[in-house]
Amino acid sequence: MGLMLAFRLFVHLGLPADYRRQFRSTFGYTLRRGQVDADLGMGFVAFHQINFTREALRGEQNASFYSSRQREAAERLPAASG
C-alpha cells in the first residue's frame, strides 16, 4: 500500500507539477536517507499547501479561516478576462 501511495504521489507531483524539480530533488534526498515516511508526508502536505495558496491568491479560498469578508469581496469582483 505504501509503495502504491509513493507511486501515485510521484506520478501526480513528480511528473506534471510545475514545482516538480524541487519535489524530485527533495524526494530523492529523503529517499536516499531512508526516510520514506517523510517523503509521503512531505508530498501530501506540499501538494495541499501549494493548491490552497494558489486558490487563495485567485480569490477562490480565504487566506485563513477567519477572513470571510475578503472572500465575499472577491466573489463580488468581476472575473478578469484573459
N, C-alpha and C. Protein backbone atom coordinates (compact mmCIF):
# COMPACT_ATOMS: atom_id res chain seq x y z
N MET A 1 0.83 -1.20 0.00
CA MET A 1 0.00 0.00 0.00
C MET A 1 0.87 1.26 0.00
N GLY A 2 1.94 1.24 0.82
CA GLY A 2 2.84 2.39 0.86
C GLY A 2 3.54 2.60 -0.47
N LEU A 3 3.89 1.51 -1.14
CA LEU A 3 4.53 1.62 -2.45
C LEU A 3 3.58 2.22 -3.47
N MET A 4 2.33 1.84 -3.39
CA MET A 4 1.32 2.40 -4.31
C MET A 4 1.12 3.90 -4.03
N LEU A 5 1.08 4.28 -2.76
CA LEU A 5 0.96 5.71 -2.42
C LEU A 5 2.16 6.49 -2.96
N ALA A 6 3.35 5.94 -2.77
CA ALA A 6 4.55 6.62 -3.25
C ALA A 6 4.51 6.77 -4.78
N PHE A 7 4.09 5.73 -5.47
CA PHE A 7 3.99 5.77 -6.93
C PHE A 7 3.00 6.84 -7.38
N ARG A 8 1.83 6.84 -6.78
CA ARG A 8 0.80 7.82 -7.17
C ARG A 8 1.25 9.24 -6.86
N LEU A 9 1.92 9.42 -5.73
CA LEU A 9 2.43 10.73 -5.36
C LEU A 9 3.44 11.21 -6.40
N PHE A 10 4.34 10.33 -6.78
CA PHE A 10 5.35 10.70 -7.77
C PHE A 10 4.72 10.99 -9.13
N VAL A 11 3.72 10.21 -9.52
CA VAL A 11 3.05 10.42 -10.81
C VAL A 11 2.31 11.76 -10.82
N HIS A 12 1.67 12.12 -9.71
CA HIS A 12 0.88 13.36 -9.67
C HIS A 12 1.71 14.60 -9.38
N LEU A 13 2.83 14.45 -8.67
CA LEU A 13 3.65 15.61 -8.33
C LEU A 13 4.99 15.62 -9.06
N GLY A 14 5.58 14.48 -9.23
CA GLY A 14 6.91 14.41 -9.82
C GLY A 14 6.94 14.54 -11.32
N LEU A 15 5.82 14.35 -11.97
CA LEU A 15 5.79 14.44 -13.44
C LEU A 15 5.14 15.72 -13.95
N PRO A 16 3.85 16.00 -13.62
CA PRO A 16 3.19 17.14 -14.25
C PRO A 16 3.31 18.48 -13.52
N ALA A 17 3.63 18.47 -12.24
CA ALA A 17 3.59 19.71 -11.46
C ALA A 17 4.68 20.69 -11.90
N ASP A 18 4.38 21.97 -11.83
CA ASP A 18 5.36 22.98 -12.21
C ASP A 18 6.49 23.11 -11.18
N TYR A 19 6.32 22.53 -10.03
CA TYR A 19 7.36 22.52 -9.00
C TYR A 19 8.02 21.14 -8.89
N ARG A 20 7.98 20.38 -9.98
CA ARG A 20 8.49 19.01 -9.97
C ARG A 20 9.98 18.93 -9.71
N ARG A 21 10.76 19.89 -10.17
CA ARG A 21 12.21 19.85 -9.93
C ARG A 21 12.52 19.88 -8.44
N GLN A 22 11.88 20.78 -7.71
CA GLN A 22 12.10 20.86 -6.27
C GLN A 22 11.58 19.60 -5.58
N PHE A 23 10.43 19.11 -6.03
CA PHE A 23 9.87 17.90 -5.43
C PHE A 23 10.79 16.71 -5.65
N ARG A 24 11.26 16.52 -6.87
CA ARG A 24 12.14 15.39 -7.17
C ARG A 24 13.43 15.47 -6.37
N SER A 25 13.99 16.65 -6.27
CA SER A 25 15.23 16.83 -5.52
C SER A 25 15.05 16.44 -4.06
N THR A 26 14.01 16.95 -3.43
CA THR A 26 13.74 16.65 -2.03
C THR A 26 13.35 15.20 -1.85
N PHE A 27 12.54 14.68 -2.75
CA PHE A 27 12.11 13.29 -2.69
C PHE A 27 13.32 12.35 -2.77
N GLY A 28 14.22 12.62 -3.70
CA GLY A 28 15.42 11.80 -3.84
C GLY A 28 16.32 11.87 -2.63
N TYR A 29 16.49 13.06 -2.07
CA TYR A 29 17.34 13.24 -0.90
C TYR A 29 16.82 12.44 0.29
N THR A 30 15.55 12.57 0.58
CA THR A 30 15.00 11.86 1.74
C THR A 30 14.90 10.37 1.48
N LEU A 31 14.68 9.97 0.23
CA LEU A 31 14.63 8.55 -0.11
C LEU A 31 16.00 7.90 0.09
N ARG A 32 17.06 8.59 -0.33
CA ARG A 32 18.42 8.06 -0.12
C ARG A 32 18.75 7.93 1.36
N ARG A 33 18.17 8.75 2.18
CA ARG A 33 18.42 8.69 3.62
C ARG A 33 17.49 7.69 4.31
N GLY A 34 16.60 7.05 3.54
CA GLY A 34 15.71 6.05 4.11
C GLY A 34 14.50 6.60 4.81
N GLN A 35 14.13 7.81 4.50
CA GLN A 35 13.01 8.47 5.17
C GLN A 35 11.76 8.44 4.27
N VAL A 36 11.29 7.25 3.99
CA VAL A 36 10.14 7.08 3.09
C VAL A 36 8.89 7.73 3.69
N ASP A 37 8.69 7.59 4.99
CA ASP A 37 7.51 8.20 5.62
C ASP A 37 7.57 9.72 5.50
N ALA A 38 8.76 10.30 5.59
CA ALA A 38 8.90 11.74 5.42
C ALA A 38 8.57 12.15 3.98
N ASP A 39 8.96 11.32 3.02
CA ASP A 39 8.64 11.60 1.62
C ASP A 39 7.14 11.69 1.41
N LEU A 40 6.43 10.70 1.90
CA LEU A 40 4.99 10.67 1.71
C LEU A 40 4.32 11.85 2.41
N GLY A 41 4.69 12.10 3.66
CA GLY A 41 4.10 13.22 4.39
C GLY A 41 4.40 14.55 3.72
N MET A 42 5.66 14.74 3.32
CA MET A 42 6.05 15.98 2.66
C MET A 42 5.26 16.17 1.36
N GLY A 43 5.12 15.11 0.60
CA GLY A 43 4.41 15.22 -0.67
C GLY A 43 2.96 15.60 -0.51
N PHE A 44 2.28 14.95 0.43
CA PHE A 44 0.87 15.24 0.66
C PHE A 44 0.67 16.66 1.18
N VAL A 45 1.46 17.05 2.15
CA VAL A 45 1.33 18.39 2.73
C VAL A 45 1.66 19.46 1.69
N ALA A 46 2.76 19.26 0.96
CA ALA A 46 3.16 20.25 -0.04
C ALA A 46 2.09 20.41 -1.11
N PHE A 47 1.55 19.31 -1.59
CA PHE A 47 0.51 19.37 -2.61
C PHE A 47 -0.68 20.21 -2.14
N HIS A 48 -1.16 19.94 -0.95
CA HIS A 48 -2.33 20.65 -0.45
C HIS A 48 -2.02 22.11 -0.11
N GLN A 49 -0.84 22.37 0.43
CA GLN A 49 -0.48 23.75 0.76
C GLN A 49 -0.33 24.59 -0.51
N ILE A 50 0.31 24.04 -1.52
CA ILE A 50 0.50 24.78 -2.77
C ILE A 50 -0.83 25.04 -3.44
N ASN A 51 -1.70 24.04 -3.51
CA ASN A 51 -3.02 24.24 -4.12
C ASN A 51 -3.85 25.24 -3.34
N PHE A 52 -3.83 25.16 -2.01
CA PHE A 52 -4.60 26.10 -1.18
C PHE A 52 -4.10 27.52 -1.40
N THR A 53 -2.79 27.70 -1.44
CA THR A 53 -2.22 29.03 -1.63
C THR A 53 -2.61 29.60 -2.98
N ARG A 54 -2.55 28.80 -4.01
CA ARG A 54 -2.92 29.27 -5.34
C ARG A 54 -4.40 29.61 -5.42
N GLU A 55 -5.24 28.83 -4.79
CA GLU A 55 -6.67 29.14 -4.77
C GLU A 55 -6.93 30.43 -4.00
N ALA A 56 -6.22 30.64 -2.91
CA ALA A 56 -6.40 31.87 -2.13
C ALA A 56 -5.95 33.08 -2.94
N LEU A 57 -4.86 32.95 -3.67
CA LEU A 57 -4.39 34.06 -4.49
C LEU A 57 -5.36 34.38 -5.62
N ARG A 58 -6.06 33.38 -6.13
CA ARG A 58 -7.07 33.61 -7.17
C ARG A 58 -8.39 34.10 -6.59
N GLY A 59 -8.52 34.10 -5.27
CA GLY A 59 -9.76 34.54 -4.64
C GLY A 59 -10.78 33.44 -4.48
N GLU A 60 -10.40 32.19 -4.70
CA GLU A 60 -11.32 31.07 -4.58
C GLU A 60 -11.38 30.52 -3.16
N GLN A 61 -10.41 30.85 -2.33
CA GLN A 61 -10.35 30.42 -0.94
C GLN A 61 -10.03 31.63 -0.07
N ASN A 62 -10.35 31.54 1.20
CA ASN A 62 -9.92 32.56 2.14
C ASN A 62 -8.45 32.35 2.44
N ALA A 63 -7.75 33.42 2.69
CA ALA A 63 -6.35 33.31 3.06
C ALA A 63 -6.22 32.61 4.41
N SER A 64 -7.25 32.72 5.25
CA SER A 64 -7.31 31.99 6.51
C SER A 64 -8.78 31.71 6.80
N PHE A 65 -9.02 30.92 7.79
CA PHE A 65 -10.40 30.58 8.12
C PHE A 65 -11.13 31.75 8.78
N TYR A 66 -10.41 32.81 9.11
CA TYR A 66 -11.00 33.94 9.81
C TYR A 66 -11.22 35.14 8.90
N SER A 67 -11.02 34.98 7.60
CA SER A 67 -11.10 36.13 6.71
C SER A 67 -12.24 36.00 5.70
N SER A 68 -13.44 35.72 6.17
CA SER A 68 -14.57 35.52 5.26
C SER A 68 -14.93 36.80 4.51
N ARG A 69 -14.69 37.96 5.09
CA ARG A 69 -15.02 39.21 4.40
C ARG A 69 -14.20 39.36 3.12
N GLN A 70 -12.93 38.96 3.16
CA GLN A 70 -12.09 39.07 1.98
C GLN A 70 -12.62 38.18 0.86
N ARG A 71 -13.07 36.99 1.19
CA ARG A 71 -13.59 36.09 0.17
C ARG A 71 -14.89 36.63 -0.41
N GLU A 72 -15.75 37.15 0.44
CA GLU A 72 -17.01 37.71 -0.05
C GLU A 72 -16.75 38.87 -0.99
N ALA A 73 -15.76 39.70 -0.68
CA ALA A 73 -15.43 40.83 -1.54
C ALA A 73 -14.88 40.33 -2.87
N ALA A 74 -14.08 39.29 -2.84
CA ALA A 74 -13.51 38.74 -4.07
C ALA A 74 -14.59 38.12 -4.95
N GLU A 75 -15.62 37.55 -4.36
CA GLU A 75 -16.70 36.95 -5.13
C GLU A 75 -17.51 38.01 -5.86
N ARG A 76 -17.55 39.23 -5.34
CA ARG A 76 -18.32 40.30 -5.98
C ARG A 76 -17.55 40.96 -7.12
N LEU A 77 -16.23 40.75 -7.20
CA LEU A 77 -15.43 41.36 -8.25
C LEU A 77 -15.70 40.67 -9.58
N PRO A 78 -15.69 41.42 -10.67
CA PRO A 78 -15.88 40.77 -11.98
C PRO A 78 -14.67 39.92 -12.32
N ALA A 79 -14.90 38.84 -13.05
CA ALA A 79 -13.81 37.94 -13.43
C ALA A 79 -12.91 38.64 -14.43
N ALA A 80 -11.61 38.43 -14.28
CA ALA A 80 -10.64 39.03 -15.20
C ALA A 80 -10.66 38.27 -16.52
N SER A 81 -10.70 39.01 -17.59
CA SER A 81 -10.68 38.35 -18.91
C SER A 81 -9.24 38.23 -19.38
N GLY A 82 -8.90 37.08 -19.95
CA GLY A 82 -7.52 36.85 -20.33
C GLY A 82 -7.35 36.77 -21.72
